[in-house]
């Protein structure tokens, strides 16, 4: 492992200095070792954060040669660039936004704790959802209208009425994020997609689908706390695309690298927003370290 890490640093420096060509990368011993490493990672035989984490035990892997670009407005939303040495994992990361605002990260840590009660878990998820909604809606268009303040008239910004939203919750855990976002946007329309994950095959099974009739005139925000295997999210977005919304964005609380890779490969046109990218999935398809089953912890069913 130490030898591979030294290789990473050396090859990264050569790549930056222009000393290494694509042909060289394919033919050197490093290229073969690196390919073996990527195969091992995809099969969960080794752990991504041991190679990517800037801080020990942090659940936020950062591509070492792909510096994230910090937003200059409000929350620090970071979008990965294409310079990662993990071409398979990060090749479709252009539309992934990591919302790492300190308040979100603090509240997420409290949610992760096994001793956090159901009541506290609900409150924290609702609070985080408000902050996530702030970032996801930051590019909503504005128009100006003349109003009167107690002291003087002014030309004031308001949301453009032609820009309409619909929030779609992937049941059942998505309800926790939906409730928080509705606090901030009480007038938006709401839809639901009911999916459960078969415990043996991990394949999503649809049992409910209801959305507003005018969804083709609205931008859609799809919410679900966990992006694990990505199967449910992929299936839900595929189903929702058939209704022809103006646009779709997917918002989650936690994501696994495997889920991101799957989702972005199938729906590269759908921006993905998450508060954290964790280590990996276990043999049961749960995010590690994660926070457990979000639905069970939200509704107190386990």
C-alpha atoms as a PDB file:
ATOM      1  CA  UNK A   1       0.000   0.000   0.000  1.00  0.00           C
ATOM      2  CA  UNK A   2       2.842   2.389   0.853  1.00  0.00           C
ATOM      3  CA  UNK A   3       4.536   1.662  -2.466  1.00  0.00           C
ATOM      4  CA  UNK A   4       1.306   2.416  -4.342  1.00  0.00           C
ATOM      5  CA  UNK A   5       0.895   5.672  -2.448  1.00  0.00           C
ATOM      6  CA  UNK A   6       4.446   6.732  -3.391  1.00  0.00           C
ATOM      7  CA  UNK A   7       3.643   5.850  -7.006  1.00  0.00           C
ATOM      8  CA  UNK A   8       0.562   8.096  -6.822  1.00  0.00           C
ATOM      9  CA  UNK A   9       2.541  11.104  -5.630  1.00  0.00           C
ATOM     10  CA  UNK A  10       5.332  10.547  -8.174  1.00  0.00           C
ATOM     11  CA  UNK A  11       3.029  10.006 -11.118  1.00  0.00           C
ATOM     12  CA  UNK A  12       0.835  12.939 -10.111  1.00  0.00           C
ATOM     13  CA  UNK A  13       3.874  15.241 -10.140  1.00  0.00           C
ATOM     14  CA  UNK A  14       4.923  13.945 -13.552  1.00  0.00           C
ATOM     15  CA  UNK A  15       1.391  14.465 -14.841  1.00  0.00           C
ATOM     16  CA  UNK A  16       1.358  18.056 -13.588  1.00  0.00           C
ATOM     17  CA  UNK A  17       4.786  18.756 -15.100  1.00  0.00           C
ATOM     18  CA  UNK A  18       3.758  17.370 -18.483  1.00  0.00           C
ATOM     19  CA  UNK A  19       6.290  14.538 -18.317  1.00  0.00           C
ATOM     20  CA  UNK A  20       3.798  11.758 -18.742  1.00  0.00           C
ATOM     21  CA  UNK A  21       1.821  10.922 -21.888  1.00  0.00           C
ATOM     22  CA  UNK A  22      -1.337   8.837 -22.273  1.00  0.00           C
ATOM     23  CA  UNK A  23       0.667   6.098 -24.013  1.00  0.00           C
ATOM     24  CA  UNK A  24       3.208   6.102 -21.194  1.00  0.00           C
ATOM     25  CA  UNK A  25       0.386   5.765 -18.652  1.00  0.00           C
ATOM     26  CA  UNK A  26      -0.938   2.666 -20.379  1.00  0.00           C
ATOM     27  CA  UNK A  27       2.394   0.902 -20.870  1.00  0.00           C
ATOM     28  CA  UNK A  28       4.267   1.523 -17.597  1.00  0.00           C
ATOM     29  CA  UNK A  29       4.223  -0.813 -14.655  1.00  0.00           C
ATOM     30  CA  UNK A  30       2.385   1.931 -12.756  1.00  0.00           C
ATOM     31  CA  UNK A  31      -0.403   1.828 -15.324  1.00  0.00           C
ATOM     32  CA  UNK A  32      -0.858  -1.896 -14.760  1.00  0.00           C
ATOM     33  CA  UNK A  33      -0.739  -1.517 -10.976  1.00  0.00           C
ATOM     34  CA  UNK A  34      -3.218   1.337 -11.131  1.00  0.00           C
ATOM     35  CA  UNK A  35      -5.652  -0.649 -13.275  1.00  0.00           C
ATOM     36  CA  UNK A  36      -5.453  -3.502 -10.770  1.00  0.00           C
ATOM     37  CA  UNK A  37      -6.147  -1.030  -7.970  1.00  0.00           C
ATOM     38  CA  UNK A  38      -9.263   0.314  -9.726  1.00  0.00           C
ATOM     39  CA  UNK A  39     -10.581  -3.217 -10.254  1.00  0.00           C
ATOM     40  CA  UNK A  40     -10.016  -4.009  -6.579  1.00  0.00           C
ATOM     41  CA  UNK A  41     -11.801  -0.838  -5.501  1.00  0.00           C
ATOM     42  CA  UNK A  42     -14.828  -1.603  -7.668  1.00  0.00           C
ATOM     43  CA  UNK A  43     -15.121  -5.018  -6.025  1.00  0.00           C
ATOM     44  CA  UNK A  44     -14.871  -3.404  -2.551  1.00  0.00           C
ATOM     45  CA  UNK A  45     -11.649  -5.246  -1.690  1.00  0.00           C
ATOM     46  CA  UNK A  46      -9.970  -2.008  -0.677  1.00  0.00           C
ATOM     47  CA  UNK A  47     -11.258   1.232   0.752  1.00  0.00           C
ATOM     48  CA  UNK A  48     -11.365   4.493  -1.190  1.00  0.00           C
ATOM     49  CA  UNK A  49     -10.735   6.930   1.695  1.00  0.00           C
ATOM     50  CA  UNK A  50      -7.371   5.339   2.553  1.00  0.00           C
ATOM     51  CA  UNK A  51      -6.152   6.896  -0.702  1.00  0.00           C
ATOM     52  CA  UNK A  52      -8.295  10.015  -1.015  1.00  0.00           C
ATOM     53  CA  UNK A  53      -9.078  11.422   2.395  1.00  0.00           C
ATOM     54  CA  UNK A  54      -7.482  14.769   3.291  1.00  0.00           C
ATOM     55  CA  UNK A  55      -8.334  14.179   6.976  1.00  0.00           C
ATOM     56  CA  UNK A  56      -8.187  10.749   8.704  1.00  0.00           C
ATOM     57  CA  UNK A  57     -11.613   9.098   9.085  1.00  0.00           C
ATOM     58  CA  UNK A  58     -13.393  11.925   7.263  1.00  0.00           C
ATOM     59  CA  UNK A  59     -16.331  10.666   5.128  1.00  0.00           C
ATOM     60  CA  UNK A  60     -15.614  13.212   2.382  1.00  0.00           C
ATOM     61  CA  UNK A  61     -13.255  11.747  -0.257  1.00  0.00           C
ATOM     62  CA  UNK A  62     -11.545  14.387  -2.403  1.00  0.00           C
ATOM     63  CA  UNK A  63      -9.831  13.450  -5.674  1.00  0.00           C
ATOM     64  CA  UNK A  64      -6.160  14.293  -5.009  1.00  0.00           C
ATOM     65  CA  UNK A  65      -5.524  15.800  -8.447  1.00  0.00           C
ATOM     66  CA  UNK A  66      -8.983  17.281  -8.941  1.00  0.00           C
ATOM     67  CA  UNK A  67      -9.294  20.366  -6.800  1.00  0.00           C
ATOM     68  CA  UNK A  68     -12.955  21.176  -6.090  1.00  0.00           C
ATOM     69  CA  UNK A  69     -14.169  24.607  -7.135  1.00  0.00           C
ATOM     70  CA  UNK A  70     -15.676  26.528  -4.238  1.00  0.00           C
ATOM     71  CA  UNK A  71     -18.838  28.515  -4.763  1.00  0.00           C
ATOM     72  CA  UNK A  72     -18.635  32.231  -4.038  1.00  0.00           C
ATOM     73  CA  UNK A  73     -22.241  32.472  -2.884  1.00  0.00           C
ATOM     74  CA  UNK A  74     -23.468  31.276   0.496  1.00  0.00           C
ATOM     75  CA  UNK A  75     -22.931  27.585   1.084  1.00  0.00           C
ATOM     76  CA  UNK A  76     -19.654  26.069  -0.019  1.00  0.00           C
ATOM     77  CA  UNK A  77     -20.855  23.807  -2.809  1.00  0.00           C
ATOM     78  CA  UNK A  78     -18.053  21.942  -4.526  1.00  0.00           C
ATOM     79  CA  UNK A  79     -18.072  20.420  -7.975  1.00  0.00           C
ATOM     80  CA  UNK A  80     -15.451  17.869  -8.951  1.00  0.00           C
ATOM     81  CA  UNK A  81     -13.216  18.485 -11.953  1.00  0.00           C
ATOM     82  CA  UNK A  82     -12.090  15.800 -14.408  1.00  0.00           C
ATOM     83  CA  UNK A  83      -8.462  15.475 -13.222  1.00  0.00           C
ATOM     84  CA  UNK A  84      -9.011  12.594 -10.829  1.00  0.00           C
ATOM     85  CA  UNK A  85      -6.773   9.525 -11.250  1.00  0.00           C
ATOM     86  CA  UNK A  86      -9.963   7.464 -10.685  1.00  0.00           C
ATOM     87  CA  UNK A  87     -11.279   7.647 -14.269  1.00  0.00           C
ATOM     88  CA  UNK A  88     -13.925   4.959 -13.771  1.00  0.00           C
ATOM     89  CA  UNK A  89     -15.360   6.388 -10.568  1.00  0.00           C
ATOM     90  CA  UNK A  90     -15.175  10.077 -11.332  1.00  0.00           C
ATOM     91  CA  UNK A  91     -15.575  10.291 -15.105  1.00  0.00           C
ATOM     92  CA  UNK A  92     -19.225  11.378 -14.743  1.00  0.00           C
ATOM     93  CA  UNK A  93     -18.801  13.654 -11.691  1.00  0.00           C
ATOM     94  CA  UNK A  94     -19.161  16.994 -13.501  1.00  0.00           C
ATOM     95  CA  UNK A  95     -22.736  17.436 -12.286  1.00  0.00           C
ATOM     96  CA  UNK A  96     -22.200  16.242  -8.710  1.00  0.00           C
ATOM     97  CA  UNK A  97     -22.331  18.996  -6.093  1.00  0.00           C
ATOM     98  CA  UNK A  98     -21.047  18.344  -2.566  1.00  0.00           C
ATOM     99  CA  UNK A  99     -22.759  20.756  -0.171  1.00  0.00           C
ATOM    100  CA  UNK A 100     -20.300  20.883   2.719  1.00  0.00           C
ATOM    101  CA  UNK A 101     -21.616  23.822   4.713  1.00  0.00           C
ATOM    102  CA  UNK A 102     -20.351  23.564   8.332  1.00  0.00           C
ATOM    103  CA  UNK A 103     -23.891  23.563   9.765  1.00  0.00           C
ATOM    104  CA  UNK A 104     -24.888  20.699   7.491  1.00  0.00           C
ATOM    105  CA  UNK A 105     -21.809  18.674   8.418  1.00  0.00           C
ATOM    106  CA  UNK A 106     -22.345  19.266  12.152  1.00  0.00           C
ATOM    107  CA  UNK A 107     -25.994  18.256  12.033  1.00  0.00           C
ATOM    108  CA  UNK A 108     -25.177  15.257   9.847  1.00  0.00           C
ATOM    109  CA  UNK A 109     -22.689  14.038  12.448  1.00  0.00           C
ATOM    110  CA  UNK A 110     -25.427  14.210  15.081  1.00  0.00           C
ATOM    111  CA  UNK A 111     -27.710  12.200  12.792  1.00  0.00           C
ATOM    112  CA  UNK A 112     -25.037   9.530  12.308  1.00  0.00           C
ATOM    113  CA  UNK A 113     -24.726   8.806  16.040  1.00  0.00           C
ATOM    114  CA  UNK A 114     -26.391   5.530  16.997  1.00  0.00           C
ATOM    115  CA  UNK A 115     -27.759   7.059  20.210  1.00  0.00           C
ATOM    116  CA  UNK A 116     -29.654   9.866  18.429  1.00  0.00           C
ATOM    117  CA  UNK A 117     -33.379   9.462  19.122  1.00  0.00           C
ATOM    118  CA  UNK A 118     -36.078   9.246  16.465  1.00  0.00           C
ATOM    119  CA  UNK A 119     -37.438  12.654  17.444  1.00  0.00           C
ATOM    120  CA  UNK A 120     -34.009  14.287  17.231  1.00  0.00           C
ATOM    121  CA  UNK A 121     -33.263  12.501  13.945  1.00  0.00           C
ATOM    122  CA  UNK A 122     -36.434  13.972  12.402  1.00  0.00           C
ATOM    123  CA  UNK A 123     -35.606  17.491  13.558  1.00  0.00           C
ATOM    124  CA  UNK A 124     -32.036  17.285  12.248  1.00  0.00           C
ATOM    125  CA  UNK A 125     -33.116  15.941   8.851  1.00  0.00           C
ATOM    126  CA  UNK A 126     -35.664  18.726   8.546  1.00  0.00           C
ATOM    127  CA  UNK A 127     -33.050  21.363   9.387  1.00  0.00           C
ATOM    128  CA  UNK A 128     -30.516  19.939   6.938  1.00  0.00           C
ATOM    129  CA  UNK A 129     -33.196  19.803   4.246  1.00  0.00           C
ATOM    130  CA  UNK A 130     -33.747  23.547   4.587  1.00  0.00           C
ATOM    131  CA  UNK A 131     -30.043  24.139   3.992  1.00  0.00           C
ATOM    132  CA  UNK A 132     -29.938  21.729   1.051  1.00  0.00           C
ATOM    133  CA  UNK A 133     -32.919  23.504  -0.529  1.00  0.00           C
ATOM    134  CA  UNK A 134     -31.068  26.802  -0.241  1.00  0.00           C
ATOM    135  CA  UNK A 135     -28.200  25.482  -2.357  1.00  0.00           C
ATOM    136  CA  UNK A 136     -30.276  23.541  -4.884  1.00  0.00           C
ATOM    137  CA  UNK A 137     -32.484  26.559  -5.649  1.00  0.00           C
ATOM    138  CA  UNK A 138     -29.756  29.211  -5.746  1.00  0.00           C
ATOM    139  CA  UNK A 139     -30.128  29.733  -9.510  1.00  0.00           C
ATOM    140  CA  UNK A 140     -33.891  30.338  -9.555  1.00  0.00           C
ATOM    141  CA  UNK A 141     -34.612  33.361 -11.773  1.00  0.00           C
ATOM    142  CA  UNK A 142     -35.812  36.664 -10.336  1.00  0.00           C
ATOM    143  CA  UNK A 143     -37.898  39.499 -11.678  1.00  0.00           C
ATOM    144  CA  UNK A 144     -38.355  42.979 -10.238  1.00  0.00           C
ATOM    145  CA  UNK A 145     -41.523  44.718  -9.144  1.00  0.00           C
ATOM    146  CA  UNK A 146     -42.226  48.041  -7.506  1.00  0.00           C
ATOM    147  CA  UNK A 147     -43.195  47.806  -3.843  1.00  0.00           C
ATOM    148  CA  UNK A 148     -43.571  50.273  -0.996  1.00  0.00           C
ATOM    149  CA  UNK A 149     -41.588  49.916   2.199  1.00  0.00           C
ATOM    150  CA  UNK A 150     -42.658  51.938   5.290  1.00  0.00           C
ATOM    151  CA  UNK A 151     -40.188  54.617   4.149  1.00  0.00           C
ATOM    152  CA  UNK A 152     -40.047  54.640   0.352  1.00  0.00           C
ATOM    153  CA  UNK A 153     -40.941  52.781  -2.856  1.00  0.00           C
ATOM    154  CA  UNK A 154     -38.354  50.493  -4.406  1.00  0.00           C
ATOM    155  CA  UNK A 155     -37.787  48.075  -7.271  1.00  0.00           C
ATOM    156  CA  UNK A 156     -37.536  44.763  -5.390  1.00  0.00           C
ATOM    157  CA  UNK A 157     -36.592  41.228  -6.531  1.00  0.00           C
ATOM    158  CA  UNK A 158     -39.147  38.402  -6.376  1.00  0.00           C
ATOM    159  CA  UNK A 159     -39.172  34.900  -7.806  1.00  0.00           C
ATOM    160  CA  UNK A 160     -40.137  34.815 -11.457  1.00  0.00           C
ATOM    161  CA  UNK A 161     -43.673  33.358 -11.618  1.00  0.00           C
ATOM    162  CA  UNK A 162     -42.967  31.384 -14.783  1.00  0.00           C
ATOM    163  CA  UNK A 163     -40.394  29.253 -12.925  1.00  0.00           C
ATOM    164  CA  UNK A 164     -42.463  26.600 -11.139  1.00  0.00           C
ATOM    165  CA  UNK A 165     -41.197  23.695  -9.076  1.00  0.00           C
ATOM    166  CA  UNK A 166     -42.418  20.260  -8.090  1.00  0.00           C
ATOM    167  CA  UNK A 167     -40.872  18.278  -5.248  1.00  0.00           C
ATOM    168  CA  UNK A 168     -40.942  14.505  -5.670  1.00  0.00           C
ATOM    169  CA  UNK A 169     -40.252  12.286  -2.675  1.00  0.00           C
ATOM    170  CA  UNK A 170     -39.000   8.728  -3.101  1.00  0.00           C
ATOM    171  CA  UNK A 171     -40.992   7.005  -0.382  1.00  0.00           C
ATOM    172  CA  UNK A 172     -40.702   6.437   2.364  1.00  0.00           C
ATOM    173  CA  UNK A 173     -37.510   8.052   3.651  1.00  0.00           C
ATOM    174  CA  UNK A 174     -37.736  10.912   1.140  1.00  0.00           C
ATOM    175  CA  UNK A 175     -40.593  12.300   3.204  1.00  0.00           C
ATOM    176  CA  UNK A 176     -38.082  13.561   5.770  1.00  0.00           C
ATOM    177  CA  UNK A 177     -36.350  15.813   3.224  1.00  0.00           C
ATOM    178  CA  UNK A 178     -39.668  16.774   1.626  1.00  0.00           C
ATOM    179  CA  UNK A 179     -41.067  18.103   4.921  1.00  0.00           C
ATOM    180  CA  UNK A 180     -38.023  20.319   5.451  1.00  0.00           C
ATOM    181  CA  UNK A 181     -38.042  21.750   1.942  1.00  0.00           C
ATOM    182  CA  UNK A 182     -41.775  22.474   2.160  1.00  0.00           C
ATOM    183  CA  UNK A 183     -41.040  24.725   5.132  1.00  0.00           C
ATOM    184  CA  UNK A 184     -38.962  26.878   2.803  1.00  0.00           C
ATOM    185  CA  UNK A 185     -41.168  26.508  -0.298  1.00  0.00           C
ATOM    186  CA  UNK A 186     -44.730  25.925   0.949  1.00  0.00           C
ATOM    187  CA  UNK A 187     -46.422  26.686  -2.384  1.00  0.00           C
ATOM    188  CA  UNK A 188     -44.630  24.106  -4.567  1.00  0.00           C
ATOM    189  CA  UNK A 189     -46.483  21.077  -5.909  1.00  0.00           C
ATOM    190  CA  UNK A 190     -45.627  17.642  -4.513  1.00  0.00           C
ATOM    191  CA  UNK A 191     -45.344  14.180  -6.034  1.00  0.00           C
ATOM    192  CA  UNK A 192     -44.504  10.747  -4.641  1.00  0.00           C
ATOM    193  CA  UNK A 193     -42.801   7.660  -6.017  1.00  0.00           C
ATOM    194  CA  UNK A 194     -43.167   4.553  -3.881  1.00  0.00           C
ATOM    195  CA  UNK A 195     -40.244   2.126  -4.169  1.00  0.00           C
ATOM    196  CA  UNK A 196     -38.893  -0.591  -1.940  1.00  0.00           C
ATOM    197  CA  UNK A 197     -35.630  -2.437  -2.379  1.00  0.00           C
ATOM    198  CA  UNK A 198     -35.815  -6.204  -2.644  1.00  0.00           C
ATOM    199  CA  UNK A 199     -33.530  -7.420   0.179  1.00  0.00           C
ATOM    200  CA  UNK A 200     -32.113 -10.265  -1.908  1.00  0.00           C
ATOM    201  CA  UNK A 201     -31.636  -8.729  -5.348  1.00  0.00           C
ATOM    202  CA  UNK A 202     -31.422  -5.045  -4.231  1.00  0.00           C
ATOM    203  CA  UNK A 203     -33.620  -4.269  -7.261  1.00  0.00           C
ATOM    204  CA  UNK A 204     -36.256  -1.535  -6.673  1.00  0.00           C
ATOM    205  CA  UNK A 205     -39.938  -2.471  -6.906  1.00  0.00           C
ATOM    206  CA  UNK A 206     -42.507   0.281  -7.563  1.00  0.00           C
ATOM    207  CA  UNK A 207     -45.721   0.222  -5.529  1.00  0.00           C
ATOM    208  CA  UNK A 208     -46.971   3.834  -5.835  1.00  0.00           C
ATOM    209  CA  UNK A 209     -46.711   6.704  -8.311  1.00  0.00           C
ATOM    210  CA  UNK A 210     -48.552  10.031  -8.101  1.00  0.00           C
ATOM    211  CA  UNK A 211     -47.403  13.401  -9.424  1.00  0.00           C
ATOM    212  CA  UNK A 212     -49.147  16.672 -10.460  1.00  0.00           C
ATOM    213  CA  UNK A 213     -50.761  16.859 -13.908  1.00  0.00           C
ATOM    214  CA  UNK A 214     -48.822  19.950 -15.034  1.00  0.00           C
ATOM    215  CA  UNK A 215     -45.359  18.510 -14.328  1.00  0.00           C
ATOM    216  CA  UNK A 216     -44.349  19.205 -17.939  1.00  0.00           C
ATOM    217  CA  UNK A 217     -44.403  22.915 -17.045  1.00  0.00           C
ATOM    218  CA  UNK A 218     -42.305  22.520 -13.907  1.00  0.00           C
ATOM    219  CA  UNK A 219     -38.720  21.888 -12.829  1.00  0.00           C
ATOM    220  CA  UNK A 220     -38.459  18.795 -10.671  1.00  0.00           C
ATOM    221  CA  UNK A 221     -36.468  18.198  -7.478  1.00  0.00           C
ATOM    222  CA  UNK A 222     -36.310  14.500  -6.585  1.00  0.00           C
ATOM    223  CA  UNK A 223     -35.395  13.813  -2.946  1.00  0.00           C
ATOM    224  CA  UNK A 224     -34.210  10.695  -1.100  1.00  0.00           C
ATOM    225  CA  UNK A 225     -31.836  10.693   1.904  1.00  0.00           C
ATOM    226  CA  UNK A 226     -29.617   7.814   0.740  1.00  0.00           C
ATOM    227  CA  UNK A 227     -27.936   7.080  -2.594  1.00  0.00           C
ATOM    228  CA  UNK A 228     -26.504   3.626  -1.900  1.00  0.00           C
ATOM    229  CA  UNK A 229     -26.520   1.227  -4.846  1.00  0.00           C
ATOM    230  CA  UNK A 230     -28.309   3.898  -6.859  1.00  0.00           C
ATOM    231  CA  UNK A 231     -30.887   1.392  -8.112  1.00  0.00           C
ATOM    232  CA  UNK A 232     -33.918   3.124  -6.577  1.00  0.00           C
ATOM    233  CA  UNK A 233     -32.798   6.591  -7.646  1.00  0.00           C
ATOM    234  CA  UNK A 234     -32.092   5.421 -11.196  1.00  0.00           C
ATOM    235  CA  UNK A 235     -35.484   3.698 -11.440  1.00  0.00           C
ATOM    236  CA  UNK A 236     -37.363   6.672  -9.973  1.00  0.00           C
ATOM    237  CA  UNK A 237     -35.715   9.214 -12.271  1.00  0.00           C
ATOM    238  CA  UNK A 238     -36.283   6.946 -15.279  1.00  0.00           C
ATOM    239  CA  UNK A 239     -39.984   6.765 -14.411  1.00  0.00           C
ATOM    240  CA  UNK A 240     -40.194  10.518 -13.835  1.00  0.00           C
ATOM    241  CA  UNK A 241     -38.496  11.326 -17.136  1.00  0.00           C
ATOM    242  CA  UNK A 242     -41.457   9.729 -18.899  1.00  0.00           C
ATOM    243  CA  UNK A 243     -43.638  12.580 -17.579  1.00  0.00           C
ATOM    244  CA  UNK A 244     -41.473  15.159 -19.412  1.00  0.00           C
ATOM    245  CA  UNK A 245     -40.632  17.663 -16.665  1.00  0.00           C
ATOM    246  CA  UNK A 246     -38.718  20.774 -17.747  1.00  0.00           C
ATOM    247  CA  UNK A 247     -35.673  19.590 -15.775  1.00  0.00           C
ATOM    248  CA  UNK A 248     -34.740  17.153 -12.999  1.00  0.00           C
ATOM    249  CA  UNK A 249     -32.333  17.487 -10.078  1.00  0.00           C
ATOM    250  CA  UNK A 250     -31.635  14.747  -7.554  1.00  0.00           C
ATOM    251  CA  UNK A 251     -30.988  15.649  -3.906  1.00  0.00           C
ATOM    252  CA  UNK A 252     -29.749  13.262  -1.218  1.00  0.00           C
ATOM    253  CA  UNK A 253     -28.164  13.419   2.217  1.00  0.00           C
ATOM    254  CA  UNK A 254     -25.546  10.658   1.867  1.00  0.00           C
ATOM    255  CA  UNK A 255     -24.077   8.984  -1.200  1.00  0.00           C
ATOM    256  CA  UNK A 256     -21.784   6.022  -1.754  1.00  0.00           C
ATOM    257  CA  UNK A 257     -19.201   6.108  -4.565  1.00  0.00           C
ATOM    258  CA  UNK A 258     -20.868   3.081  -6.136  1.00  0.00           C
ATOM    259  CA  UNK A 259     -24.247   4.836  -6.154  1.00  0.00           C
ATOM    260  CA  UNK A 260     -22.811   8.003  -7.675  1.00  0.00           C
ATOM    261  CA  UNK A 261     -21.083   6.037 -10.411  1.00  0.00           C
ATOM    262  CA  UNK A 262     -24.265   4.100 -11.244  1.00  0.00           C
ATOM    263  CA  UNK A 263     -26.562   7.137 -11.172  1.00  0.00           C
ATOM    264  CA  UNK A 264     -24.274   9.381 -13.238  1.00  0.00           C
ATOM    265  CA  UNK A 265     -23.663   6.634 -15.792  1.00  0.00           C
ATOM    266  CA  UNK A 266     -27.389   6.142 -16.414  1.00  0.00           C
ATOM    267  CA  UNK A 267     -28.523   9.765 -15.965  1.00  0.00           C
ATOM    268  CA  UNK A 268     -25.550  12.014 -16.827  1.00  0.00           C
ATOM    269  CA  UNK A 269     -28.000  14.825 -17.648  1.00  0.00           C
ATOM    270  CA  UNK A 270     -29.383  14.982 -14.083  1.00  0.00           C
ATOM    271  CA  UNK A 271     -27.435  17.133 -11.572  1.00  0.00           C
ATOM    272  CA  UNK A 272     -26.856  15.390  -8.255  1.00  0.00           C
ATOM    273  CA  UNK A 273     -26.594  17.202  -4.897  1.00  0.00           C
ATOM    274  CA  UNK A 274     -25.371  15.518  -1.717  1.00  0.00           C
ATOM    275  CA  UNK A 275     -24.183  16.551   1.743  1.00  0.00           C
ATOM    276  CA  UNK A 276     -21.587  13.765   2.037  1.00  0.00           C
ATOM    277  CA  UNK A 277     -19.842  11.041   0.041  1.00  0.00           C
ATOM    278  CA  UNK A 278     -19.089   8.090   2.292  1.00  0.00           C
ATOM    279  CA  UNK A 279     -16.638   5.193   2.007  1.00  0.00           C
ATOM    280  CA  UNK A 280     -18.340   2.202   0.380  1.00  0.00           C
ATOM    281  CA  UNK A 281     -21.274  -0.225   0.475  1.00  0.00           C
ATOM    282  CA  UNK A 282     -21.328  -3.357   2.605  1.00  0.00           C
ATOM    283  CA  UNK A 283     -22.488  -6.768   1.362  1.00  0.00           C
ATOM    284  CA  UNK A 284     -26.105  -5.815   2.115  1.00  0.00           C
ATOM    285  CA  UNK A 285     -25.983  -2.593   0.105  1.00  0.00           C
ATOM    286  CA  UNK A 286     -25.817  -0.243   3.100  1.00  0.00           C
ATOM    287  CA  UNK A 287     -23.618   2.863   3.073  1.00  0.00           C
ATOM    288  CA  UNK A 288     -20.537   2.630   5.314  1.00  0.00           C
ATOM    289  CA  UNK A 289     -20.061   4.417   7.711  1.00  0.00           C
ATOM    290  CA  UNK A 290     -23.483   5.914   6.858  1.00  0.00           C
ATOM    291  CA  UNK A 291     -26.183   6.426   9.455  1.00  0.00           C
ATOM    292  CA  UNK A 292     -28.165   3.199   9.284  1.00  0.00           C
ATOM    293  CA  UNK A 293     -31.521   2.800   7.558  1.00  0.00           C
ATOM    294  CA  UNK A 294     -32.828   6.364   7.138  1.00  0.00           C
ATOM    295  CA  UNK A 295     -36.458   5.250   6.879  1.00  0.00           C
ATOM    296  CA  UNK A 296     -36.318   3.127  10.024  1.00  0.00           C
ATOM    297  CA  UNK A 297     -34.596   5.867  12.002  1.00  0.00           C
ATOM    298  CA  UNK A 298     -36.989   8.520  10.704  1.00  0.00           C
ATOM    299  CA  UNK A 299     -40.158   6.587  11.550  1.00  0.00           C
ATOM    300  CA  UNK A 300     -38.903   4.556  14.494  1.00  0.00           C
ATOM    301  CA  UNK A 301     -39.660   1.193  12.899  1.00  0.00           C
ATOM    302  CA  UNK A 302     -36.490  -0.474  14.204  1.00  0.00           C
END
